[in-house]
Amino acid sequence: MKLIRRSELGWPATTAGHANPRSGLVVHYDGSNQGLAGQAHSACLSYWRATRNFHINTNGWVDIGYSFAACPHGYVFEGRGLNRIQAAQPGGNSTYYSVSLMSGPTETPTAVQIDAVRQLRGYLMDRGVAGTVRGHRDFIATSCPGDRAYAMVKDGTFTKAPGADAAGGMEEDMVGLSQGDSGERVKFLQELLRAGGHDLGPAGIDGDYGPATARAVLAARKAEGSRQDFGDRITGAAAKQILSQFVKAHR
């Protein structure tokens, strides 16, 4: 799990009260779209700092309200962290942990963001927390965490093991893509490549399968020992190699 601790953001230890949450993890979202998936990772750090500032200086809370957050680039951010009361879900602030998706109502969580939540769940389970995943609206009448994320809560997307889709749907979403293609499937490919540590150039995740993406595909394949010399199309073998790079980066 790629965890960014609060100390790395220059934050002091939280003054929130102690608790012993053991019931599971609750998923939240932001009330407005953030567009962070299309920005550099540094924008996520700025967003998390701004969220804490809002919670303290506008809401009057002692600290940021959430236990953790998962960003569209696959990182987990520490909020109040382990063994602390939250201000996230009334009725479950001392019994559940919380994770905020750094996204809004019409934004679909990215593949690596989903996997970050799965890794966080595993991290908590290793510490004696139940594997249950719920949504904010399971506690009070609210739109949070949005229809898209809540559907993932209900269908078990977040309770799968990290990288669990590597042998199934994730491969199918990539196979057949080629240079010149554009759209959501290309964005998905680019998410996995970047999360696997491969450079997509200045454009980043733009949904266009251009030369930079082709170079990243080839780099991922070579890192897996492939003898092939092309990155301009995604075969079944290429998809497996890209997913292997992703899984290795998130162990």
Protein backbone atom coordinates (compact mmCIF):
# COMPACT_ATOMS: atom_id res chain seq x y z
CA MET A 1 0.00 0.00 0.00
CA LYS A 2 1.37 3.41 -0.95
CA LEU A 3 0.60 5.30 2.25
CA ILE A 4 1.20 9.03 2.64
CA ARG A 5 1.33 9.74 6.34
CA ARG A 6 0.14 13.03 7.84
CA SER A 7 3.67 13.78 9.02
CA GLU A 8 4.77 13.85 5.36
CA LEU A 9 2.27 16.69 4.85
CA GLY A 10 3.73 18.63 7.76
CA TRP A 11 0.76 17.93 10.04
CA PRO A 12 1.18 17.38 13.77
CA ALA A 13 -0.22 14.37 15.58
CA THR A 14 -4.01 14.51 15.66
CA THR A 15 -5.74 15.68 18.83
CA ALA A 16 -8.88 13.66 18.04
CA GLY A 17 -9.99 11.34 20.81
CA HIS A 18 -8.96 7.71 20.96
CA ALA A 19 -11.25 4.93 19.73
CA ASN A 20 -10.98 1.28 18.78
CA PRO A 21 -12.91 0.88 15.48
CA ARG A 22 -13.40 -2.78 14.62
CA SER A 23 -16.60 -2.95 12.57
CA GLY A 24 -15.20 -2.20 9.12
CA LEU A 25 -14.63 0.60 6.63
CA VAL A 26 -17.05 3.29 5.37
CA VAL A 27 -16.69 4.86 1.90
CA HIS A 28 -17.25 8.60 1.36
CA TYR A 29 -16.90 11.11 -1.49
CA ASP A 30 -16.61 14.84 -1.98
CA GLY A 31 -19.78 16.82 -2.62
CA SER A 32 -18.43 18.18 -5.92
CA ASN A 33 -16.37 16.79 -8.79
CA GLN A 34 -12.64 17.36 -8.33
CA GLY A 35 -11.10 16.26 -11.65
CA LEU A 36 -8.01 14.95 -9.87
CA ALA A 37 -7.67 11.88 -12.09
CA GLY A 38 -6.65 14.12 -14.97
CA GLN A 39 -4.15 16.13 -12.92
CA ALA A 40 -0.70 15.46 -11.50
CA HIS A 41 -0.52 13.64 -8.17
CA SER A 42 0.58 16.86 -6.49
CA ALA A 43 -3.00 18.13 -6.93
CA CYS A 44 -4.17 15.35 -4.59
CA LEU A 45 -1.81 16.55 -1.87
CA SER A 46 -3.16 20.08 -2.29
CA TYR A 47 -6.72 18.79 -2.15
CA TRP A 48 -6.11 16.84 1.07
CA ARG A 49 -4.50 19.86 2.73
CA ALA A 50 -7.41 22.06 1.66
CA THR A 51 -9.89 19.50 3.02
CA ARG A 52 -8.23 19.55 6.42
CA ASN A 53 -8.18 23.34 6.43
CA PHE A 54 -11.92 23.41 5.63
CA HIS A 55 -12.78 20.90 8.32
CA ILE A 56 -10.82 22.77 10.98
CA ASN A 57 -11.41 26.41 10.07
CA THR A 58 -14.94 26.22 8.60
CA ASN A 59 -16.51 23.21 10.30
CA GLY A 60 -14.73 23.85 13.59
CA TRP A 61 -13.53 20.25 13.96
CA VAL A 62 -10.32 19.38 15.77
CA ASP A 63 -8.84 17.83 12.62
CA ILE A 64 -9.71 16.50 9.18
CA GLY A 65 -12.84 14.39 9.56
CA TYR A 66 -11.78 11.17 7.83
CA SER A 67 -9.52 8.33 8.88
CA PHE A 68 -8.03 7.95 5.40
CA ALA A 69 -8.52 8.87 1.74
CA ALA A 70 -7.79 7.10 -1.54
CA CYS A 71 -6.68 9.23 -4.48
CA PRO A 72 -7.19 8.56 -8.20
CA HIS A 73 -3.47 7.81 -8.58
CA GLY A 74 -3.60 4.85 -6.21
CA TYR A 75 -2.25 6.38 -2.99
CA VAL A 76 -3.78 6.11 0.47
CA PHE A 77 -3.62 9.33 2.52
CA GLU A 78 -3.65 9.28 6.30
CA GLY A 79 -6.23 11.55 7.91
CA ARG A 80 -6.91 10.97 11.60
CA GLY A 81 -5.46 7.52 11.08
CA LEU A 82 -5.65 4.50 13.33
CA ASN A 83 -7.49 4.33 16.64
CA ARG A 84 -9.15 7.74 16.51
CA ILE A 85 -12.73 8.99 16.66
CA GLN A 86 -13.81 10.57 13.37
CA ALA A 87 -16.29 13.19 12.24
CA ALA A 88 -17.29 11.26 9.11
CA GLN A 89 -20.38 9.13 9.69
CA PRO A 90 -22.65 9.88 12.68
CA GLY A 91 -23.49 6.63 14.39
CA GLY A 92 -20.25 5.00 13.33
CA ASN A 93 -17.49 7.46 14.16
CA SER A 94 -15.97 5.32 16.89
CA THR A 95 -16.80 1.86 15.52
CA TYR A 96 -15.86 2.12 11.82
CA TYR A 97 -12.93 3.60 9.92
CA SER A 98 -13.64 5.96 7.02
CA VAL A 99 -12.07 6.43 3.61
CA SER A 100 -12.86 9.39 1.39
CA LEU A 101 -12.62 9.00 -2.37
CA MET A 102 -11.08 12.18 -3.74
CA SER A 103 -13.85 12.44 -6.31
CA GLY A 104 -17.39 13.73 -6.73
CA PRO A 105 -20.91 12.76 -7.80
CA THR A 106 -20.34 12.02 -11.49
CA GLU A 107 -16.75 10.78 -11.27
CA THR A 108 -16.10 7.05 -11.47
CA PRO A 109 -13.32 5.83 -9.14
CA THR A 110 -10.24 4.87 -11.12
CA ALA A 111 -8.97 1.29 -11.19
CA VAL A 112 -5.98 2.13 -9.00
CA GLN A 113 -8.20 4.11 -6.60
CA ILE A 114 -10.43 1.08 -6.16
CA ASP A 115 -7.37 -1.04 -5.55
CA ALA A 116 -6.09 1.48 -2.98
CA VAL A 117 -9.35 1.05 -1.02
CA ARG A 118 -8.92 -2.73 -1.22
CA GLN A 119 -5.36 -2.45 0.07
CA LEU A 120 -6.48 -0.17 2.91
CA ARG A 121 -9.16 -2.70 3.83
CA GLY A 122 -6.50 -5.43 3.95
CA TYR A 123 -4.24 -3.18 6.03
CA LEU A 124 -7.04 -2.66 8.55
CA MET A 125 -8.01 -6.34 8.58
CA ASP A 126 -4.41 -7.21 9.47
CA ARG A 127 -5.02 -5.07 12.57
CA GLY A 128 -8.14 -6.88 13.66
CA VAL A 129 -10.77 -4.81 11.84
CA ALA A 130 -13.69 -6.61 10.18
CA GLY A 131 -13.69 -6.74 6.37
CA THR A 132 -17.14 -5.13 6.09
CA VAL A 133 -17.40 -2.18 3.67
CA ARG A 134 -20.36 0.20 3.92
CA GLY A 135 -21.32 3.56 2.43
CA HIS A 136 -21.96 6.82 4.27
CA ARG A 137 -25.65 6.64 3.30
CA ASP A 138 -25.96 3.43 5.29
CA PHE A 139 -25.74 5.58 8.43
CA ILE A 140 -27.71 8.75 7.63
CA ALA A 141 -29.81 10.16 4.78
CA THR A 142 -27.20 11.52 2.36
CA SER A 143 -26.15 11.20 -1.27
CA CYS A 144 -22.63 10.23 -0.15
CA PRO A 145 -20.69 8.33 -1.48
CA GLY A 146 -22.58 8.90 -4.76
CA ASP A 147 -24.49 6.37 -6.82
CA ARG A 148 -21.44 5.06 -8.68
CA ALA A 149 -19.29 4.41 -5.63
CA TYR A 150 -22.24 3.13 -3.61
CA ALA A 151 -23.03 0.58 -6.33
CA MET A 152 -19.45 -0.65 -5.89
CA VAL A 153 -20.01 -0.89 -2.14
CA LYS A 154 -23.12 -3.01 -2.70
CA ASP A 155 -21.75 -5.29 -5.41
CA GLY A 156 -18.60 -6.15 -3.46
CA THR A 157 -16.09 -4.32 -5.67
CA PHE A 158 -14.24 -2.92 -2.67
CA THR A 159 -14.15 -6.22 -0.77
CA LYS A 160 -12.19 -8.09 -3.42
CA ALA A 161 -8.52 -8.77 -2.84
CA PRO A 162 -6.08 -6.20 -4.30
CA GLY A 163 -5.45 -7.01 -7.94
CA ALA A 164 -8.29 -9.54 -7.89
CA ASP A 165 -9.48 -8.59 -11.37
CA ALA A 166 -6.08 -9.14 -12.93
CA ALA A 167 -7.11 -12.42 -14.55
CA GLY A 168 -10.49 -11.23 -15.74
CA GLY A 169 -12.23 -8.00 -16.58
CA MET A 170 -9.18 -5.76 -16.29
CA GLU A 171 -7.42 -7.66 -19.06
CA GLU A 172 -10.51 -7.63 -21.24
CA ASP A 173 -10.76 -3.86 -20.89
CA MET A 174 -7.33 -3.49 -22.49
CA VAL A 175 -7.04 -6.23 -25.10
CA GLY A 176 -7.57 -4.91 -28.63
CA LEU A 177 -6.56 -1.33 -27.95
CA SER A 178 -4.04 0.15 -30.37
CA GLN A 179 -2.24 3.39 -31.05
CA GLY A 180 -4.68 5.99 -32.32
CA ASP A 181 -7.53 4.84 -30.08
CA SER A 182 -9.07 7.17 -27.51
CA GLY A 183 -11.64 7.05 -24.75
CA GLU A 184 -12.26 5.55 -21.32
CA ARG A 185 -10.60 2.21 -22.09
CA VAL A 186 -7.40 4.05 -22.99
CA LYS A 187 -7.61 6.04 -19.75
CA PHE A 188 -7.89 2.75 -17.88
CA LEU A 189 -4.79 1.44 -19.65
CA GLN A 190 -2.94 4.66 -18.82
CA GLU A 191 -3.98 4.47 -15.15
CA LEU A 192 -2.47 1.00 -14.86
CA LEU A 193 0.71 2.00 -16.67
CA ARG A 194 1.30 5.04 -14.49
CA ALA A 195 0.47 3.11 -11.31
CA GLY A 196 2.99 0.51 -12.45
CA GLY A 197 5.68 3.20 -12.54
CA HIS A 198 5.77 3.99 -16.26
CA ASP A 199 6.07 7.49 -17.69
CA LEU A 200 3.21 8.72 -19.88
CA GLY A 201 4.86 11.99 -20.82
CA PRO A 202 3.53 15.52 -20.22
CA ALA A 203 -0.04 14.68 -21.31
CA GLY A 204 -0.42 12.02 -18.62
CA ILE A 205 -3.78 10.26 -18.47
CA ASP A 206 -5.52 11.98 -21.37
CA GLY A 207 -7.41 9.07 -22.94
CA ASP A 208 -5.36 9.21 -26.17
CA TYR A 209 -3.21 6.22 -27.15
CA GLY A 210 -0.31 8.13 -28.63
CA PRO A 211 3.46 7.56 -28.88
CA ALA A 212 4.06 8.21 -25.16
CA THR A 213 1.52 5.55 -24.17
CA ALA A 214 3.02 3.15 -26.70
CA ARG A 215 6.46 3.69 -25.17
CA ALA A 216 5.03 3.06 -21.69
CA VAL A 217 3.39 -0.16 -22.88
CA LEU A 218 6.68 -1.35 -24.34
CA ALA A 219 8.53 -0.42 -21.13
CA ALA A 220 6.05 -2.41 -19.06
CA ARG A 221 6.45 -5.41 -21.34
CA LYS A 222 10.24 -5.25 -21.26
CA ALA A 223 10.18 -4.98 -17.47
CA GLU A 224 8.32 -8.31 -17.46
CA GLY A 225 10.96 -9.91 -19.67
CA SER A 226 9.08 -9.77 -22.96
CA ARG A 227 11.14 -10.16 -26.13
CA GLN A 228 8.53 -8.34 -28.20
CA ASP A 229 9.49 -4.92 -29.55
CA PHE A 230 6.07 -3.27 -29.97
CA GLY A 231 3.94 -1.16 -27.68
CA ASP A 232 1.45 0.15 -30.21
CA ARG A 233 -1.21 -2.50 -29.52
CA ILE A 234 -2.46 -4.54 -26.60
CA THR A 235 -2.46 -8.28 -27.07
CA GLY A 236 -3.48 -10.74 -24.37
CA ALA A 237 0.15 -11.19 -23.39
CA ALA A 238 0.69 -7.44 -23.19
CA ALA A 239 -2.34 -7.01 -20.94
CA LYS A 240 -1.05 -9.68 -18.55
CA GLN A 241 2.36 -8.01 -18.42
CA ILE A 242 0.90 -4.55 -17.74
CA LEU A 243 -1.27 -5.96 -14.95
CA SER A 244 1.70 -7.81 -13.47
CA GLN A 245 3.60 -4.52 -13.28
CA PHE A 246 0.63 -2.90 -11.57
CA VAL A 247 0.28 -5.69 -8.99
CA LYS A 248 4.03 -5.69 -8.22
CA ALA A 249 3.98 -1.92 -7.63
CA HIS A 250 1.14 -2.28 -5.11
CA ARG A 251 2.43 -5.15 -3.00
